[in-house]
Amino acid sequence: MTQGLGGRSPANVQKFLKGADYPASKAELLNTAKNNHAPQEVLKTLEDLPADQFGGPQQVMKAYGRMA
């Protein structure tokens, strides 16, 4: 399995974004993740993403990849 920062895999992050409506702001993604009971490490990952607006899940993962 591909590991990201601190062992957080991109697939794990995406799991907690299920149901997100795109385009979405970072705040909207955080809200979706919280509603999906994301652990603190996933919320921290989303907070640290280097962009504030995302057109789709691919853009979230692209931003996540820049952090690794």
PDB file of N, CA and C in Angstrom:
ATOM      1  N   MET A   1       0.847  -1.181   0.000  1.00  0.00           N
ATOM      2  CA  MET A   1       0.000   0.000   0.000  1.00  0.00           C
ATOM      3  C   MET A   1       0.889   1.240   0.000  1.00  0.00           C
ATOM      4  N   THR A   2       0.505   2.236  -0.757  1.00  0.00           N
ATOM      5  CA  THR A   2       1.241   3.488  -0.805  1.00  0.00           C
ATOM      6  C   THR A   2       1.064   4.243   0.498  1.00  0.00           C
ATOM      7  N   GLN A   3       2.167   4.701   1.068  1.00  0.00           N
ATOM      8  CA  GLN A   3       2.115   5.447   2.315  1.00  0.00           C
ATOM      9  C   GLN A   3       2.372   6.913   2.042  1.00  0.00           C
ATOM     10  N   GLY A   4       1.644   7.777   2.707  1.00  0.00           N
ATOM     11  CA  GLY A   4       1.845   9.214   2.602  1.00  0.00           C
ATOM     12  C   GLY A   4       2.525   9.724   3.850  1.00  0.00           C
ATOM     13  N   LEU A   5       2.351  10.978   4.137  1.00  0.00           N
ATOM     14  CA  LEU A   5       2.944  11.592   5.305  1.00  0.00           C
ATOM     15  C   LEU A   5       2.489  10.899   6.567  1.00  0.00           C
ATOM     16  N   GLY A   6       3.435  10.533   7.412  1.00  0.00           N
ATOM     17  CA  GLY A   6       3.086   9.922   8.682  1.00  0.00           C
ATOM     18  C   GLY A   6       2.315   8.620   8.544  1.00  0.00           C
ATOM     19  N   GLY A   7       2.440   7.930   7.404  1.00  0.00           N
ATOM     20  CA  GLY A   7       1.728   6.683   7.210  1.00  0.00           C
ATOM     21  C   GLY A   7       0.290   6.854   6.770  1.00  0.00           C
ATOM     22  N   ARG A   8      -0.123   8.077   6.481  1.00  0.00           N
ATOM     23  CA  ARG A   8      -1.499   8.323   6.031  1.00  0.00           C
ATOM     24  C   ARG A   8      -1.557   8.137   4.523  1.00  0.00           C
ATOM     25  N   SER A   9      -2.274   7.154   4.066  1.00  0.00           N
ATOM     26  CA  SER A   9      -2.332   6.890   2.634  1.00  0.00           C
ATOM     27  C   SER A   9      -3.349   7.805   1.963  1.00  0.00           C
ATOM     28  N   PRO A  10      -3.111   8.140   0.688  1.00  0.00           N
ATOM     29  CA  PRO A  10      -4.086   8.945  -0.050  1.00  0.00           C
ATOM     30  C   PRO A  10      -5.472   8.303  -0.074  1.00  0.00           C
ATOM     31  N   ALA A  11      -5.520   6.985  -0.190  1.00  0.00           N
ATOM     32  CA  ALA A  11      -6.818   6.297  -0.207  1.00  0.00           C
ATOM     33  C   ALA A  11      -7.548   6.483   1.120  1.00  0.00           C
ATOM     34  N   ASN A  12      -6.811   6.497   2.213  1.00  0.00           N
ATOM     35  CA  ASN A  12      -7.427   6.696   3.526  1.00  0.00           C
ATOM     36  C   ASN A  12      -8.003   8.101   3.630  1.00  0.00           C
ATOM     37  N   VAL A  13      -7.268   9.092   3.142  1.00  0.00           N
ATOM     38  CA  VAL A  13      -7.763  10.468   3.167  1.00  0.00           C
ATOM     39  C   VAL A  13      -9.036  10.563   2.329  1.00  0.00           C
ATOM     40  N   GLN A  14      -9.028   9.994   1.128  1.00  0.00           N
ATOM     41  CA  GLN A  14     -10.198  10.050   0.247  1.00  0.00           C
ATOM     42  C   GLN A  14     -11.412   9.367   0.865  1.00  0.00           C
ATOM     43  N   LYS A  15     -11.179   8.313   1.626  1.00  0.00           N
ATOM     44  CA  LYS A  15     -12.284   7.592   2.265  1.00  0.00           C
ATOM     45  C   LYS A  15     -13.125   8.538   3.123  1.00  0.00           C
ATOM     46  N   PHE A  16     -12.476   9.470   3.795  1.00  0.00           N
ATOM     47  CA  PHE A  16     -13.187  10.387   4.681  1.00  0.00           C
ATOM     48  C   PHE A  16     -13.770  11.590   3.940  1.00  0.00           C
ATOM     49  N   LEU A  17     -13.500  11.676   2.635  1.00  0.00           N
ATOM     50  CA  LEU A  17     -14.082  12.750   1.824  1.00  0.00           C
ATOM     51  C   LEU A  17     -15.282  12.255   1.023  1.00  0.00           C
ATOM     52  N   LYS A  18     -15.711  11.028   1.294  1.00  0.00           N
ATOM     53  CA  LYS A  18     -16.863  10.460   0.589  1.00  0.00           C
ATOM     54  C   LYS A  18     -18.072  11.373   0.774  1.00  0.00           C
ATOM     55  N   GLY A  19     -18.721  11.701  -0.339  1.00  0.00           N
ATOM     56  CA  GLY A  19     -19.901  12.558  -0.301  1.00  0.00           C
ATOM     57  C   GLY A  19     -19.602  14.031  -0.485  1.00  0.00           C
ATOM     58  N   ALA A  20     -18.326  14.383  -0.644  1.00  0.00           N
ATOM     59  CA  ALA A  20     -17.969  15.793  -0.842  1.00  0.00           C
ATOM     60  C   ALA A  20     -18.502  16.273  -2.184  1.00  0.00           C
ATOM     61  N   ASP A  21     -19.014  17.497  -2.202  1.00  0.00           N
ATOM     62  CA  ASP A  21     -19.470  18.127  -3.440  1.00  0.00           C
ATOM     63  C   ASP A  21     -18.366  19.039  -3.949  1.00  0.00           C
ATOM     64  N   TYR A  22     -17.941  18.791  -5.178  1.00  0.00           N
ATOM     65  CA  TYR A  22     -16.877  19.592  -5.788  1.00  0.00           C
ATOM     66  C   TYR A  22     -17.466  20.521  -6.826  1.00  0.00           C
ATOM     67  N   PRO A  23     -16.873  21.692  -7.061  1.00  0.00           N
ATOM     68  CA  PRO A  23     -15.683  22.212  -6.389  1.00  0.00           C
ATOM     69  C   PRO A  23     -15.965  22.457  -4.913  1.00  0.00           C
ATOM     70  N   ALA A  24     -14.893  22.329  -4.109  1.00  0.00           N
ATOM     71  CA  ALA A  24     -15.029  22.469  -2.663  1.00  0.00           C
ATOM     72  C   ALA A  24     -13.857  23.251  -2.096  1.00  0.00           C
ATOM     73  N   SER A  25     -14.146  24.023  -1.080  1.00  0.00           N
ATOM     74  CA  SER A  25     -13.083  24.731  -0.366  1.00  0.00           C
ATOM     75  C   SER A  25     -12.457  23.776   0.645  1.00  0.00           C
ATOM     76  N   LYS A  26     -11.300  24.163   1.145  1.00  0.00           N
ATOM     77  CA  LYS A  26     -10.651  23.370   2.181  1.00  0.00           C
ATOM     78  C   LYS A  26     -11.581  23.234   3.390  1.00  0.00           C
ATOM     79  N   ALA A  27     -12.261  24.313   3.759  1.00  0.00           N
ATOM     80  CA  ALA A  27     -13.184  24.281   4.902  1.00  0.00           C
ATOM     81  C   ALA A  27     -14.322  23.290   4.664  1.00  0.00           C
ATOM     82  N   GLU A  28     -14.837  23.244   3.441  1.00  0.00           N
ATOM     83  CA  GLU A  28     -15.913  22.296   3.120  1.00  0.00           C
ATOM     84  C   GLU A  28     -15.414  20.855   3.203  1.00  0.00           C
ATOM     85  N   LEU A  29     -14.184  20.625   2.735  1.00  0.00           N
ATOM     86  CA  LEU A  29     -13.620  19.276   2.817  1.00  0.00           C
ATOM     87  C   LEU A  29     -13.402  18.866   4.269  1.00  0.00           C
ATOM     88  N   LEU A  30     -12.938  19.796   5.082  1.00  0.00           N
ATOM     89  CA  LEU A  30     -12.763  19.505   6.509  1.00  0.00           C
ATOM     90  C   LEU A  30     -14.099  19.151   7.156  1.00  0.00           C
ATOM     91  N   ASN A  31     -15.135  19.880   6.801  1.00  0.00           N
ATOM     92  CA  ASN A  31     -16.466  19.604   7.346  1.00  0.00           C
ATOM     93  C   ASN A  31     -16.951  18.218   6.924  1.00  0.00           C
ATOM     94  N   THR A  32     -16.743  17.872   5.657  1.00  0.00           N
ATOM     95  CA  THR A  32     -17.131  16.545   5.169  1.00  0.00           C
ATOM     96  C   THR A  32     -16.367  15.466   5.918  1.00  0.00           C
ATOM     97  N   ALA A  33     -15.056  15.656   6.078  1.00  0.00           N
ATOM     98  CA  ALA A  33     -14.236  14.668   6.781  1.00  0.00           C
ATOM     99  C   ALA A  33     -14.691  14.514   8.231  1.00  0.00           C
ATOM    100  N   LYS A  34     -14.998  15.621   8.888  1.00  0.00           N
ATOM    101  CA  LYS A  34     -15.489  15.551  10.276  1.00  0.00           C
ATOM    102  C   LYS A  34     -16.806  14.786  10.340  1.00  0.00           C
ATOM    103  N   ASN A  35     -17.694  15.052   9.387  1.00  0.00           N
ATOM    104  CA  ASN A  35     -18.982  14.345   9.345  1.00  0.00           C
ATOM    105  C   ASN A  35     -18.810  12.854   9.090  1.00  0.00           C
ATOM    106  N   ASN A  36     -17.689  12.488   8.439  1.00  0.00           N
ATOM    107  CA  ASN A  36     -17.378  11.083   8.164  1.00  0.00           C
ATOM    108  C   ASN A  36     -16.493  10.480   9.255  1.00  0.00           C
ATOM    109  N   HIS A  37     -16.375  11.188  10.386  1.00  0.00           N
ATOM    110  CA  HIS A  37     -15.640  10.700  11.560  1.00  0.00           C
ATOM    111  C   HIS A  37     -14.162  10.454  11.280  1.00  0.00           C
ATOM    112  N   ALA A  38     -13.543  11.368  10.536  1.00  0.00           N
ATOM    113  CA  ALA A  38     -12.117  11.258  10.235  1.00  0.00           C
ATOM    114  C   ALA A  38     -11.297  11.423  11.510  1.00  0.00           C
ATOM    115  N   PRO A  39     -10.217  10.651  11.640  1.00  0.00           N
ATOM    116  CA  PRO A  39      -9.331  10.821  12.794  1.00  0.00           C
ATOM    117  C   PRO A  39      -8.562  12.143  12.691  1.00  0.00           C
ATOM    118  N   GLN A  40      -8.006  12.573  13.792  1.00  0.00           N
ATOM    119  CA  GLN A  40      -7.305  13.848  13.854  1.00  0.00           C
ATOM    120  C   GLN A  40      -6.180  13.949  12.830  1.00  0.00           C
ATOM    121  N   GLU A  41      -5.456  12.859  12.582  1.00  0.00           N
ATOM    122  CA  GLU A  41      -4.339  12.931  11.632  1.00  0.00           C
ATOM    123  C   GLU A  41      -4.828  13.227  10.214  1.00  0.00           C
ATOM    124  N   VAL A  42      -5.997  12.731   9.842  1.00  0.00           N
ATOM    125  CA  VAL A  42      -6.557  13.031   8.518  1.00  0.00           C
ATOM    126  C   VAL A  42      -6.998  14.491   8.463  1.00  0.00           C
ATOM    127  N   LEU A  43      -7.629  14.977   9.525  1.00  0.00           N
ATOM    128  CA  LEU A  43      -8.037  16.387   9.564  1.00  0.00           C
ATOM    129  C   LEU A  43      -6.818  17.296   9.462  1.00  0.00           C
ATOM    130  N   LYS A  44      -5.740  16.937  10.142  1.00  0.00           N
ATOM    131  CA  LYS A  44      -4.501  17.729  10.088  1.00  0.00           C
ATOM    132  C   LYS A  44      -3.942  17.729   8.667  1.00  0.00           C
ATOM    133  N   THR A  45      -3.993  16.592   8.000  1.00  0.00           N
ATOM    134  CA  THR A  45      -3.528  16.509   6.614  1.00  0.00           C
ATOM    135  C   THR A  45      -4.315  17.471   5.738  1.00  0.00           C
ATOM    136  N   LEU A  46      -5.628  17.481   5.884  1.00  0.00           N
ATOM    137  CA  LEU A  46      -6.465  18.376   5.082  1.00  0.00           C
ATOM    138  C   LEU A  46      -6.179  19.836   5.408  1.00  0.00           C
ATOM    139  N   GLU A  47      -6.000  20.148   6.672  1.00  0.00           N
ATOM    140  CA  GLU A  47      -5.688  21.527   7.073  1.00  0.00           C
ATOM    141  C   GLU A  47      -4.382  22.007   6.457  1.00  0.00           C
ATOM    142  N   ASP A  48      -3.429  21.090   6.289  1.00  0.00           N
ATOM    143  CA  ASP A  48      -2.099  21.440   5.792  1.00  0.00           C
ATOM    144  C   ASP A  48      -1.984  21.453   4.271  1.00  0.00           C
ATOM    145  N   LEU A  49      -3.049  21.094   3.556  1.00  0.00           N
ATOM    146  CA  LEU A  49      -2.977  21.081   2.091  1.00  0.00           C
ATOM    147  C   LEU A  49      -2.603  22.463   1.569  1.00  0.00           C
ATOM    148  N   PRO A  50      -1.733  22.513   0.545  1.00  0.00           N
ATOM    149  CA  PRO A  50      -1.225  23.792   0.043  1.00  0.00           C
ATOM    150  C   PRO A  50      -2.161  24.534  -0.910  1.00  0.00           C
ATOM    151  N   ALA A  51      -3.438  24.242  -0.885  1.00  0.00           N
ATOM    152  CA  ALA A  51      -4.417  24.952  -1.716  1.00  0.00           C
ATOM    153  C   ALA A  51      -5.674  25.149  -0.882  1.00  0.00           C
ATOM    154  N   ASP A  52      -6.505  26.100  -1.300  1.00  0.00           N
ATOM    155  CA  ASP A  52      -7.730  26.379  -0.556  1.00  0.00           C
ATOM    156  C   ASP A  52      -8.997  25.990  -1.305  1.00  0.00           C
ATOM    157  N   GLN A  53      -8.882  25.691  -2.600  1.00  0.00           N
ATOM    158  CA  GLN A  53     -10.040  25.341  -3.426  1.00  0.00           C
ATOM    159  C   GLN A  53      -9.672  24.127  -4.266  1.00  0.00           C
ATOM    160  N   PHE A  54     -10.605  23.187  -4.394  1.00  0.00           N
ATOM    161  CA  PHE A  54     -10.343  21.947  -5.110  1.00  0.00           C
ATOM    162  C   PHE A  54     -11.487  21.645  -6.065  1.00  0.00           C
ATOM    163  N   GLY A  55     -11.132  21.334  -7.325  1.00  0.00           N
ATOM    164  CA  GLY A  55     -12.128  21.045  -8.338  1.00  0.00           C
ATOM    165  C   GLY A  55     -12.631  19.620  -8.305  1.00  0.00           C
ATOM    166  N   GLY A  56     -11.890  18.734  -7.651  1.00  0.00           N
ATOM    167  CA  GLY A  56     -12.283  17.336  -7.573  1.00  0.00           C
ATOM    168  C   GLY A  56     -11.297  16.553  -6.735  1.00  0.00           C
ATOM    169  N   PRO A  57     -11.580  15.274  -6.512  1.00  0.00           N
ATOM    170  CA  PRO A  57     -10.709  14.444  -5.684  1.00  0.00           C
ATOM    171  C   PRO A  57      -9.278  14.360  -6.212  1.00  0.00           C
ATOM    172  N   GLN A  58      -9.127  14.425  -7.543  1.00  0.00           N
ATOM    173  CA  GLN A  58      -7.786  14.360  -8.115  1.00  0.00           C
ATOM    174  C   GLN A  58      -6.945  15.557  -7.679  1.00  0.00           C
ATOM    175  N   GLN A  59      -7.559  16.724  -7.595  1.00  0.00           N
ATOM    176  CA  GLN A  59      -6.827  17.912  -7.156  1.00  0.00           C
ATOM    177  C   GLN A  59      -6.441  17.811  -5.687  1.00  0.00           C
ATOM    178  N   VAL A  60      -7.290  17.197  -4.887  1.00  0.00           N
ATOM    179  CA  VAL A  60      -6.951  16.986  -3.474  1.00  0.00           C
ATOM    180  C   VAL A  60      -5.719  16.096  -3.385  1.00  0.00           C
ATOM    181  N   MET A  61      -5.703  15.013  -4.145  1.00  0.00           N
ATOM    182  CA  MET A  61      -4.579  14.085  -4.089  1.00  0.00           C
ATOM    183  C   MET A  61      -3.309  14.697  -4.677  1.00  0.00           C
ATOM    184  N   LYS A  62      -3.463  15.538  -5.687  1.00  0.00           N
ATOM    185  CA  LYS A  62      -2.305  16.225  -6.256  1.00  0.00           C
ATOM    186  C   LYS A  62      -1.681  17.143  -5.205  1.00  0.00           C
ATOM    187  N   ALA A  63      -2.511  17.886  -4.483  1.00  0.00           N
ATOM    188  CA  ALA A  63      -2.019  18.763  -3.415  1.00  0.00           C
ATOM    189  C   ALA A  63      -1.386  17.929  -2.306  1.00  0.00           C
ATOM    190  N   TYR A  64      -1.998  16.815  -1.982  1.00  0.00           N
ATOM    191  CA  TYR A  64      -1.463  15.912  -0.957  1.00  0.00           C
ATOM    192  C   TYR A  64      -0.084  15.408  -1.373  1.00  0.00           C
ATOM    193  N   GLY A  65       0.056  15.062  -2.647  1.00  0.00           N
ATOM    194  CA  GLY A  65       1.332  14.570  -3.159  1.00  0.00           C
ATOM    195  C   GLY A  65       2.440  15.596  -3.063  1.00  0.00           C
ATOM    196  N   ARG A  66       2.103  16.879  -3.183  1.00  0.00           N
ATOM    197  CA  ARG A  66       3.107  17.937  -3.062  1.00  0.00           C
ATOM    198  C   ARG A  66       3.628  18.058  -1.631  1.00  0.00           C
ATOM    199  N   MET A  67       2.870  17.565  -0.671  1.00  0.00           N
ATOM    200  CA  MET A  67       3.285  17.635   0.730  1.00  0.00           C
ATOM    201  C   MET A  67       4.265  16.524   1.091  1.00  0.00           C
ATOM    202  N   ALA A  68       4.221  15.421   0.352  1.00  0.00           N
ATOM    203  CA  ALA A  68       5.044  14.248   0.689  1.00  0.00           C
ATOM    204  C   ALA A  68       6.513  14.485   0.451  1.00  0.00           C
TER     205      ALA A  68
END
